[in-house]
Amino acid sequence: MFTGLIKEVGTLVSTKTIAEGKRLRIYAPKLAADIAIDDSVSVNGVCQTAIAVDGNFFEMIAVHTTLEKTTLGDLKVNEPVNLELAVRASDRLGGHIVQGHVDITGVCTQIEDQNGSWLMAFSYEDKGTDGNITVEKGSVCVNGVSLTVINSKDTSFQVAIIPYTFEHTNFHQLTVGGLVNIEFDILGKYIQRLLQRDRKPYLGG
């Protein structure tokens, strides 16, 4: 489990296509010392397992399903990635509960400078997937960052990015039309599923 509070912006330094998918090597001088083999690391919001650690670098394997359902397959060498280590039981939950299980990829449709803070908008396809919802002032995770939703709509939403978050994540390199990983609030997904189940007609004897 993660909190959506980014601890470092790392850099993808190499990628290698293998039978299982892609092996990615990431430069993370701040976090690498705290990463052990088999640790979970959120990479742009995708929960991955460290398979090797070497000085300021760690490596992971993104399997084919992950490459298809997230933006990891589109990463280019030297591209920045948002990183967070799994939360400890004793840690503060400063953001919200983030699993690192991306629900869908979305598109950035707006980036507006508002005197130092930033208004960003994202849209995503309606694929009929249960739980792909946002609510006003609720939580959403974009590229691994815990954010508060404003202007919630059926297949789009906006977020306000404070200067610190803008500068200390890869949001400052995001452009209109860029793809992002979106994970919807797990509590909202459970509630929606329960409500849908309750609407189904009773077919018992």
N, C-alpha and C. Protein backbone atom coordinates (compact mmCIF):
# COMPACT_ATOMS: atom_id res chain seq x y z
N MET A 1 0.84 -1.18 0.00
CA MET A 1 0.00 0.00 0.00
C MET A 1 0.88 1.25 0.00
N PHE A 2 0.37 2.31 -0.65
CA PHE A 2 1.09 3.57 -0.74
C PHE A 2 0.17 4.70 -0.28
N THR A 3 0.73 5.90 -0.22
CA THR A 3 -0.08 7.05 0.22
C THR A 3 -0.28 8.09 -0.87
N GLY A 4 0.47 7.98 -1.96
CA GLY A 4 0.36 8.98 -3.02
C GLY A 4 1.21 10.21 -2.76
N LEU A 5 2.15 10.12 -1.81
CA LEU A 5 3.09 11.22 -1.55
C LEU A 5 4.45 10.84 -2.14
N ILE A 6 4.84 11.50 -3.19
CA ILE A 6 6.04 11.14 -3.93
C ILE A 6 7.28 11.49 -3.11
N LYS A 7 8.20 10.54 -3.01
CA LYS A 7 9.42 10.72 -2.24
C LYS A 7 10.62 11.10 -3.10
N GLU A 8 10.57 10.78 -4.37
CA GLU A 8 11.67 11.13 -5.26
C GLU A 8 11.20 11.04 -6.71
N VAL A 9 11.74 11.91 -7.53
CA VAL A 9 11.56 11.78 -8.98
C VAL A 9 12.83 11.13 -9.52
N GLY A 10 12.70 9.87 -9.90
CA GLY A 10 13.83 9.13 -10.45
C GLY A 10 13.92 9.30 -11.95
N THR A 11 14.88 8.60 -12.55
CA THR A 11 15.07 8.69 -14.00
C THR A 11 15.23 7.29 -14.58
N LEU A 12 14.49 7.00 -15.62
CA LEU A 12 14.65 5.74 -16.33
C LEU A 12 15.94 5.81 -17.13
N VAL A 13 16.87 4.90 -16.85
CA VAL A 13 18.18 4.96 -17.53
C VAL A 13 18.34 3.89 -18.60
N SER A 14 17.55 2.82 -18.51
CA SER A 14 17.63 1.80 -19.57
C SER A 14 16.37 0.95 -19.54
N THR A 15 16.08 0.38 -20.68
CA THR A 15 14.94 -0.53 -20.80
C THR A 15 15.33 -1.66 -21.76
N LYS A 16 14.96 -2.87 -21.40
CA LYS A 16 15.32 -4.03 -22.20
C LYS A 16 14.11 -4.94 -22.36
N THR A 17 13.78 -5.24 -23.59
CA THR A 17 12.67 -6.15 -23.86
C THR A 17 13.10 -7.58 -23.57
N ILE A 18 12.32 -8.28 -22.76
CA ILE A 18 12.59 -9.67 -22.40
C ILE A 18 11.31 -10.47 -22.61
N ALA A 19 11.39 -11.76 -22.41
CA ALA A 19 10.23 -12.63 -22.66
C ALA A 19 9.04 -12.24 -21.78
N GLU A 20 9.33 -11.85 -20.54
CA GLU A 20 8.25 -11.54 -19.60
C GLU A 20 7.63 -10.16 -19.84
N GLY A 21 8.35 -9.28 -20.54
CA GLY A 21 7.86 -7.92 -20.77
C GLY A 21 9.02 -6.98 -21.01
N LYS A 22 9.28 -6.09 -20.04
CA LYS A 22 10.42 -5.17 -20.13
C LYS A 22 11.11 -5.08 -18.78
N ARG A 23 12.43 -5.07 -18.83
CA ARG A 23 13.23 -4.86 -17.62
C ARG A 23 13.67 -3.40 -17.61
N LEU A 24 13.29 -2.68 -16.56
CA LEU A 24 13.56 -1.26 -16.46
C LEU A 24 14.58 -0.99 -15.36
N ARG A 25 15.52 -0.12 -15.64
CA ARG A 25 16.54 0.27 -14.66
C ARG A 25 16.33 1.75 -14.35
N ILE A 26 16.22 2.06 -13.06
CA ILE A 26 15.87 3.42 -12.64
C ILE A 26 16.92 3.98 -11.70
N TYR A 27 17.32 5.21 -11.97
CA TYR A 27 18.25 5.94 -11.11
C TYR A 27 17.45 6.64 -10.03
N ALA A 28 17.73 6.30 -8.77
CA ALA A 28 16.99 6.87 -7.64
C ALA A 28 17.95 7.06 -6.47
N PRO A 29 18.80 8.10 -6.51
CA PRO A 29 19.84 8.26 -5.50
C PRO A 29 19.34 8.45 -4.08
N LYS A 30 18.14 8.97 -3.90
CA LYS A 30 17.60 9.18 -2.55
C LYS A 30 17.00 7.90 -1.98
N LEU A 31 16.28 7.15 -2.81
CA LEU A 31 15.53 6.00 -2.31
C LEU A 31 16.25 4.67 -2.43
N ALA A 32 17.21 4.57 -3.33
CA ALA A 32 17.82 3.26 -3.63
C ALA A 32 18.39 2.60 -2.38
N ALA A 33 18.95 3.39 -1.46
CA ALA A 33 19.55 2.82 -0.25
C ALA A 33 18.52 2.17 0.64
N ASP A 34 17.25 2.57 0.51
CA ASP A 34 16.18 2.00 1.33
C ASP A 34 15.42 0.88 0.63
N ILE A 35 15.81 0.57 -0.59
CA ILE A 35 15.12 -0.47 -1.36
C ILE A 35 15.88 -1.78 -1.25
N ALA A 36 15.16 -2.84 -0.95
CA ALA A 36 15.73 -4.19 -0.94
C ALA A 36 15.05 -5.01 -2.02
N ILE A 37 15.71 -6.05 -2.45
CA ILE A 37 15.10 -6.95 -3.44
C ILE A 37 13.79 -7.49 -2.88
N ASP A 38 12.79 -7.53 -3.72
CA ASP A 38 11.41 -7.95 -3.41
C ASP A 38 10.57 -6.84 -2.79
N ASP A 39 11.14 -5.65 -2.55
CA ASP A 39 10.34 -4.54 -2.04
C ASP A 39 9.39 -4.03 -3.12
N SER A 40 8.25 -3.51 -2.67
CA SER A 40 7.30 -2.88 -3.59
C SER A 40 7.65 -1.40 -3.74
N VAL A 41 7.64 -0.94 -4.98
CA VAL A 41 7.92 0.46 -5.28
C VAL A 41 6.85 0.96 -6.24
N SER A 42 6.28 2.11 -5.94
CA SER A 42 5.33 2.72 -6.86
C SER A 42 6.11 3.54 -7.88
N VAL A 43 5.94 3.21 -9.15
CA VAL A 43 6.61 3.89 -10.25
C VAL A 43 5.53 4.52 -11.14
N ASN A 44 5.41 5.83 -11.06
CA ASN A 44 4.32 6.53 -11.75
C ASN A 44 2.96 5.94 -11.38
N GLY A 45 2.84 5.52 -10.12
CA GLY A 45 1.57 5.00 -9.64
C GLY A 45 1.35 3.52 -9.86
N VAL A 46 2.35 2.83 -10.41
CA VAL A 46 2.22 1.39 -10.68
C VAL A 46 3.06 0.63 -9.67
N CYS A 47 2.44 -0.26 -8.94
CA CYS A 47 3.17 -1.06 -7.95
C CYS A 47 4.05 -2.08 -8.68
N GLN A 48 5.36 -1.98 -8.43
CA GLN A 48 6.33 -2.88 -9.05
C GLN A 48 7.23 -3.49 -7.97
N THR A 49 7.88 -4.59 -8.32
CA THR A 49 8.76 -5.28 -7.38
C THR A 49 10.21 -5.09 -7.79
N ALA A 50 11.03 -4.63 -6.85
CA ALA A 50 12.45 -4.48 -7.13
C ALA A 50 13.10 -5.85 -7.23
N ILE A 51 13.78 -6.10 -8.34
CA ILE A 51 14.43 -7.40 -8.53
C ILE A 51 15.94 -7.30 -8.42
N ALA A 52 16.46 -6.07 -8.43
CA ALA A 52 17.89 -5.86 -8.28
C ALA A 52 18.13 -4.45 -7.77
N VAL A 53 19.13 -4.30 -6.92
CA VAL A 53 19.51 -2.99 -6.39
C VAL A 53 21.03 -2.87 -6.50
N ASP A 54 21.47 -1.76 -7.09
CA ASP A 54 22.91 -1.58 -7.35
C ASP A 54 23.26 -0.11 -7.13
N GLY A 55 23.77 0.21 -5.93
CA GLY A 55 24.14 1.58 -5.65
C GLY A 55 22.95 2.51 -5.70
N ASN A 56 22.96 3.45 -6.62
CA ASN A 56 21.87 4.43 -6.77
C ASN A 56 20.80 3.97 -7.74
N PHE A 57 20.83 2.70 -8.11
CA PHE A 57 19.91 2.20 -9.13
C PHE A 57 19.12 1.00 -8.59
N PHE A 58 17.91 0.82 -9.13
CA PHE A 58 17.18 -0.42 -8.90
C PHE A 58 16.53 -0.84 -10.21
N GLU A 59 16.19 -2.12 -10.30
CA GLU A 59 15.59 -2.65 -11.52
C GLU A 59 14.30 -3.39 -11.20
N MET A 60 13.43 -3.43 -12.20
CA MET A 60 12.14 -4.10 -12.05
C MET A 60 11.76 -4.68 -13.40
N ILE A 61 10.80 -5.61 -13.38
CA ILE A 61 10.27 -6.17 -14.62
C ILE A 61 8.80 -5.82 -14.71
N ALA A 62 8.44 -5.09 -15.75
CA ALA A 62 7.04 -4.78 -16.04
C ALA A 62 6.53 -5.84 -17.01
N VAL A 63 5.58 -6.65 -16.54
CA VAL A 63 5.07 -7.74 -17.38
C VAL A 63 4.14 -7.19 -18.45
N HIS A 64 3.78 -8.04 -19.40
CA HIS A 64 3.01 -7.59 -20.56
C HIS A 64 1.69 -6.93 -20.16
N THR A 65 0.99 -7.49 -19.18
CA THR A 65 -0.29 -6.90 -18.77
C THR A 65 -0.08 -5.49 -18.25
N THR A 66 0.97 -5.28 -17.46
CA THR A 66 1.27 -3.94 -16.95
C THR A 66 1.61 -2.99 -18.09
N LEU A 67 2.37 -3.44 -19.05
CA LEU A 67 2.74 -2.60 -20.18
C LEU A 67 1.52 -2.20 -21.00
N GLU A 68 0.54 -3.09 -21.08
CA GLU A 68 -0.66 -2.82 -21.87
C GLU A 68 -1.62 -1.88 -21.15
N LYS A 69 -1.69 -1.97 -19.82
CA LYS A 69 -2.71 -1.25 -19.07
C LYS A 69 -2.23 0.02 -18.40
N THR A 70 -0.93 0.30 -18.49
CA THR A 70 -0.38 1.51 -17.87
C THR A 70 0.52 2.22 -18.89
N THR A 71 1.11 3.32 -18.46
CA THR A 71 2.01 4.07 -19.34
C THR A 71 3.46 3.58 -19.26
N LEU A 72 3.74 2.56 -18.46
CA LEU A 72 5.13 2.11 -18.33
C LEU A 72 5.71 1.64 -19.66
N GLY A 73 4.87 1.09 -20.51
CA GLY A 73 5.35 0.62 -21.80
C GLY A 73 5.77 1.75 -22.73
N ASP A 74 5.33 2.97 -22.43
CA ASP A 74 5.65 4.12 -23.28
C ASP A 74 6.82 4.94 -22.74
N LEU A 75 7.35 4.56 -21.59
CA LEU A 75 8.45 5.33 -21.00
C LEU A 75 9.68 5.31 -21.91
N LYS A 76 10.33 6.46 -21.99
CA LYS A 76 11.55 6.59 -22.77
C LYS A 76 12.75 6.78 -21.84
N VAL A 77 13.91 6.37 -22.28
CA VAL A 77 15.14 6.56 -21.51
C VAL A 77 15.32 8.05 -21.21
N ASN A 78 15.73 8.35 -19.98
CA ASN A 78 15.92 9.72 -19.45
C ASN A 78 14.61 10.38 -19.04
N GLU A 79 13.51 9.66 -19.11
CA GLU A 79 12.24 10.23 -18.69
C GLU A 79 12.12 10.14 -17.16
N PRO A 80 11.58 11.20 -16.52
CA PRO A 80 11.43 11.18 -15.06
C PRO A 80 10.24 10.33 -14.63
N VAL A 81 10.37 9.68 -13.48
CA VAL A 81 9.28 8.86 -12.95
C VAL A 81 9.07 9.19 -11.47
N ASN A 82 7.81 9.25 -11.06
CA ASN A 82 7.47 9.48 -9.66
C ASN A 82 7.65 8.19 -8.87
N LEU A 83 8.34 8.28 -7.73
CA LEU A 83 8.64 7.09 -6.94
C LEU A 83 8.15 7.23 -5.50
N GLU A 84 7.65 6.12 -4.97
CA GLU A 84 7.27 6.04 -3.55
C GLU A 84 7.46 4.61 -3.08
N LEU A 85 8.03 4.45 -1.90
CA LEU A 85 8.15 3.12 -1.31
C LEU A 85 6.85 2.77 -0.58
N ALA A 86 6.61 1.49 -0.40
CA ALA A 86 5.41 1.04 0.30
C ALA A 86 5.38 1.62 1.71
N VAL A 87 4.19 1.95 2.18
CA VAL A 87 4.03 2.57 3.50
C VAL A 87 4.28 1.53 4.60
N ARG A 88 4.90 1.98 5.70
CA ARG A 88 5.05 1.14 6.88
C ARG A 88 3.83 1.30 7.77
N ALA A 89 3.58 0.32 8.63
CA ALA A 89 2.43 0.38 9.52
C ALA A 89 2.50 1.58 10.46
N SER A 90 3.72 2.05 10.74
CA SER A 90 3.90 3.17 11.67
C SER A 90 3.90 4.53 10.98
N ASP A 91 3.83 4.55 9.64
CA ASP A 91 3.91 5.81 8.91
C ASP A 91 2.61 6.60 8.97
N ARG A 92 2.71 7.92 8.79
CA ARG A 92 1.53 8.75 8.66
C ARG A 92 0.89 8.53 7.29
N LEU A 93 -0.42 8.45 7.26
CA LEU A 93 -1.14 8.32 5.99
C LEU A 93 -1.49 9.73 5.53
N GLY A 94 -0.50 10.41 4.95
CA GLY A 94 -0.68 11.81 4.60
C GLY A 94 -1.53 12.04 3.36
N GLY A 95 -1.57 11.09 2.46
CA GLY A 95 -2.37 11.25 1.26
C GLY A 95 -3.69 10.50 1.39
N HIS A 96 -3.83 9.40 0.65
CA HIS A 96 -4.98 8.51 0.82
C HIS A 96 -4.51 7.09 0.49
N ILE A 97 -5.36 6.12 0.68
CA ILE A 97 -4.98 4.72 0.44
C ILE A 97 -4.81 4.50 -1.06
N VAL A 98 -3.59 4.18 -1.46
CA VAL A 98 -3.26 3.94 -2.86
C VAL A 98 -2.69 2.53 -2.98
N GLN A 99 -3.24 1.72 -3.85
CA GLN A 99 -2.79 0.34 -4.01
C GLN A 99 -1.67 0.19 -5.02
N GLY A 100 -1.56 1.12 -5.93
CA GLY A 100 -0.60 0.95 -7.02
C GLY A 100 -1.15 0.09 -8.13
N HIS A 101 -2.47 -0.09 -8.13
CA HIS A 101 -3.15 -0.87 -9.16
C HIS A 101 -3.88 0.10 -10.08
N VAL A 102 -3.29 0.42 -11.20
CA VAL A 102 -3.84 1.42 -12.11
C VAL A 102 -5.14 0.93 -12.72
N ASP A 103 -6.17 1.77 -12.65
CA ASP A 103 -7.47 1.41 -13.21
C ASP A 103 -7.56 1.68 -14.70
N ILE A 104 -6.94 2.79 -15.12
CA ILE A 104 -7.07 3.20 -16.52
C ILE A 104 -6.03 4.27 -16.81
N THR A 105 -5.66 4.40 -18.06
CA THR A 105 -4.82 5.53 -18.45
C THR A 105 -5.71 6.66 -18.93
N GLY A 106 -5.28 7.88 -18.64
CA GLY A 106 -6.04 9.05 -19.05
C GLY A 106 -5.17 10.01 -19.84
N VAL A 107 -5.79 11.07 -20.31
CA VAL A 107 -5.10 12.08 -21.12
C VAL A 107 -5.20 13.43 -20.43
N CYS A 108 -4.08 14.13 -20.36
CA CYS A 108 -4.09 15.49 -19.84
C CYS A 108 -4.71 16.41 -20.89
N THR A 109 -5.76 17.12 -20.53
CA THR A 109 -6.46 17.97 -21.49
C THR A 109 -6.31 19.46 -21.20
N GLN A 110 -5.74 19.80 -20.05
CA GLN A 110 -5.61 21.21 -19.70
C GLN A 110 -4.49 21.40 -18.69
N ILE A 111 -3.66 22.40 -18.91
CA ILE A 111 -2.65 22.83 -17.94
C ILE A 111 -2.70 24.34 -17.89
N GLU A 112 -3.12 24.88 -16.77
CA GLU A 112 -3.31 26.32 -16.65
C GLU A 112 -2.56 26.87 -15.44
N ASP A 113 -1.68 27.81 -15.71
CA ASP A 113 -0.93 28.47 -14.64
C ASP A 113 -1.84 29.46 -13.93
N GLN A 114 -1.97 29.29 -12.63
CA GLN A 114 -2.82 30.18 -11.84
C GLN A 114 -1.97 30.88 -10.77
N ASN A 115 -1.08 31.73 -11.26
CA ASN A 115 -0.21 32.52 -10.38
C ASN A 115 0.62 31.64 -9.44
N GLY A 116 1.26 30.64 -9.99
CA GLY A 116 2.15 29.80 -9.20
C GLY A 116 1.61 28.42 -8.92
N SER A 117 0.31 28.29 -8.78
CA SER A 117 -0.30 26.96 -8.70
C SER A 117 -0.80 26.59 -10.10
N TRP A 118 -1.22 25.35 -10.24
CA TRP A 118 -1.58 24.88 -11.58
C TRP A 118 -2.90 24.14 -11.54
N LEU A 119 -3.74 24.42 -12.53
CA LEU A 119 -4.99 23.69 -12.72
C LEU A 119 -4.79 22.73 -13.88
N MET A 120 -5.03 21.45 -13.60
CA MET A 120 -4.88 20.44 -14.64
C MET A 120 -6.17 19.65 -14.78
N ALA A 121 -6.46 19.26 -16.00
CA ALA A 121 -7.65 18.45 -16.27
C ALA A 121 -7.24 17.16 -16.96
N PHE A 122 -7.97 16.10 -16.65
CA PHE A 122 -7.69 14.79 -17.23
C PHE A 122 -9.00 14.15 -17.68
N SER A 123 -8.95 13.44 -18.78
CA SER A 123 -10.12 12.71 -19.26
C SER A 123 -9.74 11.26 -19.50
N TYR A 124 -10.74 10.40 -19.48
CA TYR A 124 -10.50 8.97 -19.69
C TYR A 124 -11.72 8.36 -20.35
N GLU A 125 -11.54 7.22 -20.99
CA GLU A 125 -12.62 6.56 -21.71
C GLU A 125 -13.59 5.90 -20.73
N ASP A 126 -14.86 5.90 -21.11
CA ASP A 126 -15.86 5.17 -20.35
C ASP A 126 -15.91 3.75 -20.90
N LYS A 127 -15.23 2.85 -20.21
CA LYS A 127 -15.18 1.46 -20.67
C LYS A 127 -16.14 0.57 -19.90
N GLY A 128 -17.03 1.20 -19.13
CA GLY A 128 -18.00 0.43 -18.37
C GLY A 128 -17.39 -0.34 -17.22
N THR A 129 -16.21 0.09 -16.78
CA THR A 129 -15.53 -0.60 -15.69
C THR A 129 -16.06 -0.12 -14.35
N ASP A 130 -16.48 -1.02 -13.50
CA ASP A 130 -16.99 -0.64 -12.19
C ASP A 130 -15.93 0.13 -11.42
N GLY A 131 -16.33 1.24 -10.82
CA GLY A 131 -15.43 1.95 -9.94
C GLY A 131 -14.66 3.08 -10.58
N ASN A 132 -14.79 3.28 -11.89
CA ASN A 132 -14.08 4.38 -12.54
C ASN A 132 -14.85 5.67 -12.35
N ILE A 133 -14.82 6.16 -11.10
CA ILE A 133 -15.60 7.35 -10.76
C ILE A 133 -14.75 8.28 -9.90
N THR A 134 -15.11 9.55 -9.95
CA THR A 134 -14.56 10.53 -9.03
C THR A 134 -15.73 11.27 -8.39
N VAL A 135 -15.47 11.87 -7.26
CA VAL A 135 -16.49 12.70 -6.60
C VAL A 135 -15.83 14.02 -6.20
N GLU A 136 -16.65 15.06 -6.14
CA GLU A 136 -16.14 16.38 -5.78
C GLU A 136 -15.46 16.35 -4.42
N LYS A 137 -14.24 16.86 -4.36
CA LYS A 137 -13.41 16.92 -3.16
C LYS A 137 -12.97 15.53 -2.68
N GLY A 138 -13.17 14.52 -3.51
CA GLY A 138 -12.67 13.18 -3.18
C GLY A 138 -11.23 13.03 -3.63
N SER A 139 -10.69 11.84 -3.43
CA SER A 139 -9.29 11.58 -3.76
C SER A 139 -9.16 10.82 -5.07
N VAL A 140 -8.07 11.08 -5.77
CA VAL A 140 -7.72 10.35 -6.97
C VAL A 140 -6.20 10.31 -7.04
N CYS A 141 -5.66 9.27 -7.66
CA CYS A 141 -4.21 9.14 -7.79
C CYS A 141 -3.84 9.25 -9.26
N VAL A 142 -3.00 10.22 -9.59
CA VAL A 142 -2.55 10.45 -10.97
C VAL A 142 -1.03 10.33 -11.01
N ASN A 143 -0.53 9.37 -11.78
CA ASN A 143 0.91 9.12 -11.84
C ASN A 143 1.52 8.91 -10.46
N GLY A 144 0.73 8.30 -9.58
CA GLY A 144 1.23 8.00 -8.25
C GLY A 144 1.06 9.11 -7.24
N VAL A 145 0.46 10.24 -7.63
CA VAL A 145 0.32 11.40 -6.76
C VAL A 145 -1.12 11.48 -6.23
N SER A 146 -1.27 11.56 -4.91
CA SER A 146 -2.58 11.72 -4.29
C SER A 146 -3.05 13.15 -4.49
N LEU A 147 -4.24 13.32 -5.10
CA LEU A 147 -4.77 14.64 -5.42
C LEU A 147 -6.24 14.73 -5.04
N THR A 148 -6.72 15.95 -4.88
CA THR A 148 -8.12 16.20 -4.55
C THR A 148 -8.87 16.62 -5.82
N VAL A 149 -9.98 15.97 -6.06
CA VAL A 149 -10.76 16.19 -7.28
C VAL A 149 -11.56 17.49 -7.18
N ILE A 150 -11.56 18.25 -8.26
CA ILE A 150 -12.50 19.36 -8.43
C ILE A 150 -13.14 19.22 -9.80
N ASN A 151 -14.35 19.75 -9.94
CA ASN A 151 -15.08 19.68 -11.21
C ASN A 151 -15.19 18.24 -11.71
N SER A 152 -15.69 17.37 -10.84
CA SER A 152 -15.84 15.96 -11.19
C SER A 152 -16.95 15.75 -12.21
N LYS A 153 -16.63 15.03 -13.28
CA LYS A 153 -17.62 14.68 -14.30
C LYS A 153 -17.51 13.18 -14.57
N ASP A 154 -18.38 12.67 -15.45
CA ASP A 154 -18.45 11.23 -15.67
C ASP A 154 -17.13 10.64 -16.16
N THR A 155 -16.47 11.31 -17.08
CA THR A 155 -15.22 10.76 -17.62
C THR A 155 -14.10 11.80 -17.62
N SER A 156 -14.17 12.74 -16.70
CA SER A 156 -13.10 13.73 -16.61
C SER A 156 -13.12 14.37 -15.23
N PHE A 157 -12.04 15.02 -14.89
CA PHE A 157 -11.96 15.74 -13.62
C PHE A 157 -10.80 16.73 -13.70
N GLN A 158 -10.79 17.66 -12.77
CA GLN A 158 -9.69 18.61 -12.65
C GLN A 158 -9.04 18.47 -11.28
N VAL A 159 -7.80 18.90 -11.19
CA VAL A 159 -7.09 18.92 -9.91
C VAL A 159 -6.30 20.22 -9.85
N ALA A 160 -6.09 20.71 -8.63
CA ALA A 160 -5.24 21.88 -8.42
C ALA A 160 -3.90 21.40 -7.87
N ILE A 161 -2.82 21.81 -8.50
CA ILE A 161 -1.48 21.38 -8.13
C ILE A 161 -0.75 22.54 -7.45
N ILE A 162 -0.35 22.35 -6.20
CA ILE A 162 0.39 23.40 -5.51
C ILE A 162 1.82 23.45 -6.05
N PRO A 163 2.51 24.59 -5.89
CA PRO A 163 3.86 24.72 -6.45
C PRO A 163 4.82 23.61 -6.02
N TYR A 164 4.80 23.20 -4.75
CA TYR A 164 5.72 22.17 -4.28
C TYR A 164 5.49 20.86 -5.03
N THR A 165 4.24 20.45 -5.15
CA THR A 165 3.93 19.21 -5.87
C THR A 165 4.31 19.31 -7.33
N PHE A 166 4.06 20.47 -7.92
CA PHE A 166 4.40 20.67 -9.34
C PHE A 166 5.89 20.50 -9.57
N GLU A 167 6.72 21.05 -8.68
CA GLU A 167 8.16 21.02 -8.87
C GLU A 167 8.79 19.70 -8.43
N HIS A 168 8.15 18.99 -7.48
CA HIS A 168 8.77 17.78 -6.92
C HIS A 168 8.12 16.49 -7.42
N THR A 169 7.43 16.57 -8.54
CA THR A 169 6.93 15.38 -9.24
C THR A 169 7.21 15.59 -10.72
N ASN A 170 6.83 14.62 -11.54
CA ASN A 170 7.05 14.82 -12.98
C ASN A 170 5.92 15.60 -13.64
N PHE A 171 5.03 16.20 -12.83
CA PHE A 171 3.97 17.03 -13.41
C PHE A 171 4.54 18.24 -14.15
N HIS A 172 5.69 18.74 -13.72
CA HIS A 172 6.24 19.93 -14.37
C HIS A 172 6.73 19.62 -15.79
N GLN A 173 6.79 18.34 -16.17
CA GLN A 173 7.16 17.98 -17.53
C GLN A 173 5.98 17.42 -18.31
N LEU A 174 4.82 17.41 -17.68
CA LEU A 174 3.62 16.92 -18.36
C LEU A 174 3.12 17.97 -19.35
N THR A 175 2.64 17.51 -20.49
CA THR A 175 2.10 18.41 -21.51
C THR A 175 0.68 17.99 -21.86
N VAL A 176 -0.07 18.92 -22.42
CA VAL A 176 -1.42 18.59 -22.88
C VAL A 176 -1.32 17.49 -23.94
N GLY A 177 -2.13 16.47 -23.78
CA GLY A 177 -2.07 15.31 -24.66
C GLY A 177 -1.26 14.16 -24.10
N GLY A 178 -0.53 14.43 -23.00
CA GLY A 178 0.28 13.38 -22.38
C GLY A 178 -0.57 12.36 -21.66
N LEU A 179 -0.10 11.11 -21.64
CA LEU A 179 -0.83 10.04 -20.98
C LEU A 179 -0.41 9.93 -19.52
N VAL A 180 -1.36 9.60 -18.65
CA VAL A 180 -1.09 9.43 -17.22
C VAL A 180 -1.78 8.17 -16.72
N ASN A 181 -1.26 7.63 -15.62
CA ASN A 181 -1.90 6.51 -14.95
C ASN A 181 -2.88 7.03 -13.91
N ILE A 182 -4.08 6.47 -13.90
CA ILE A 182 -5.11 6.91 -12.96
C ILE A 182 -5.56 5.72 -12.11
N GLU A 183 -5.56 5.92 -10.81
CA GLU A 183 -6.14 4.95 -9.88
C GLU A 183 -7.22 5.67 -9.08
N PHE A 184 -8.44 5.15 -9.16
CA PHE A 184 -9.55 5.75 -8.44
C PHE A 184 -9.56 5.29 -6.99
N ASP A 185 -10.23 6.04 -6.15
CA ASP A 185 -10.25 5.78 -4.71
C ASP A 185 -10.84 4.41 -4.41
N ILE A 186 -10.09 3.57 -3.72
CA ILE A 186 -10.55 2.20 -3.44
C ILE A 186 -11.84 2.19 -2.64
N LEU A 187 -12.03 3.14 -1.73
CA LEU A 187 -13.27 3.19 -0.95
C LEU A 187 -14.46 3.47 -1.85
N GLY A 188 -14.28 4.38 -2.80
CA GLY A 188 -15.36 4.68 -3.74
C GLY A 188 -15.69 3.49 -4.62
N LYS A 189 -14.67 2.72 -5.00
CA LYS A 189 -14.91 1.55 -5.85
C LYS A 189 -15.71 0.49 -5.11
N TYR A 190 -15.40 0.27 -3.84
CA TYR A 190 -16.15 -0.71 -3.06
C TYR A 190 -17.60 -0.27 -2.87
N ILE A 191 -17.78 1.00 -2.58
CA ILE A 191 -19.14 1.51 -2.36
C ILE A 191 -19.97 1.39 -3.63
N GLN A 192 -19.37 1.76 -4.77
CA GLN A 192 -20.11 1.65 -6.02
C GLN A 192 -20.49 0.20 -6.31
N ARG A 193 -19.57 -0.72 -6.06
CA ARG A 193 -19.87 -2.13 -6.31
C ARG A 193 -21.02 -2.62 -5.42
N LEU A 194 -21.03 -2.21 -4.16
CA LEU A 194 -22.10 -2.60 -3.24
C LEU A 194 -23.44 -2.04 -3.69
N LEU A 195 -23.45 -0.79 -4.14
CA LEU A 195 -24.69 -0.18 -4.60
C LEU A 195 -25.21 -0.87 -5.85
N GLN A 196 -24.31 -1.24 -6.75
CA GLN A 196 -24.73 -1.94 -7.97
C GLN A 196 -25.29 -3.32 -7.62
N ARG A 197 -24.68 -3.98 -6.65
CA ARG A 197 -25.18 -5.30 -6.24
C ARG A 197 -26.57 -5.19 -5.64
N ASP A 198 -26.80 -4.15 -4.85
CA ASP A 198 -28.10 -3.97 -4.21
C ASP A 198 -29.20 -3.65 -5.21
N ARG A 199 -28.83 -3.10 -6.37
CA ARG A 199 -29.84 -2.76 -7.40
C ARG A 199 -30.30 -3.98 -8.18
N LYS A 200 -29.52 -5.08 -8.13
CA LYS A 200 -29.88 -6.26 -8.91
C LYS A 200 -31.13 -6.92 -8.31
N PRO A 201 -32.02 -7.40 -9.17
CA PRO A 201 -33.25 -8.04 -8.66
C PRO A 201 -32.95 -9.33 -7.92
N TYR A 202 -33.71 -9.59 -6.89
CA TYR A 202 -33.54 -10.82 -6.11
C TYR A 202 -34.14 -11.98 -6.86
N LEU A 203 -33.34 -13.01 -7.11
CA LEU A 203 -33.77 -14.17 -7.90
C LEU A 203 -33.86 -15.44 -7.05
N GLY A 204 -33.78 -15.27 -5.73
CA GLY A 204 -33.81 -16.44 -4.86
C GLY A 204 -35.21 -17.05 -4.76
N GLY A 205 -35.30 -18.23 -4.12
CA GLY A 205 -36.58 -18.90 -3.99
C GLY A 205 -37.37 -18.43 -2.80
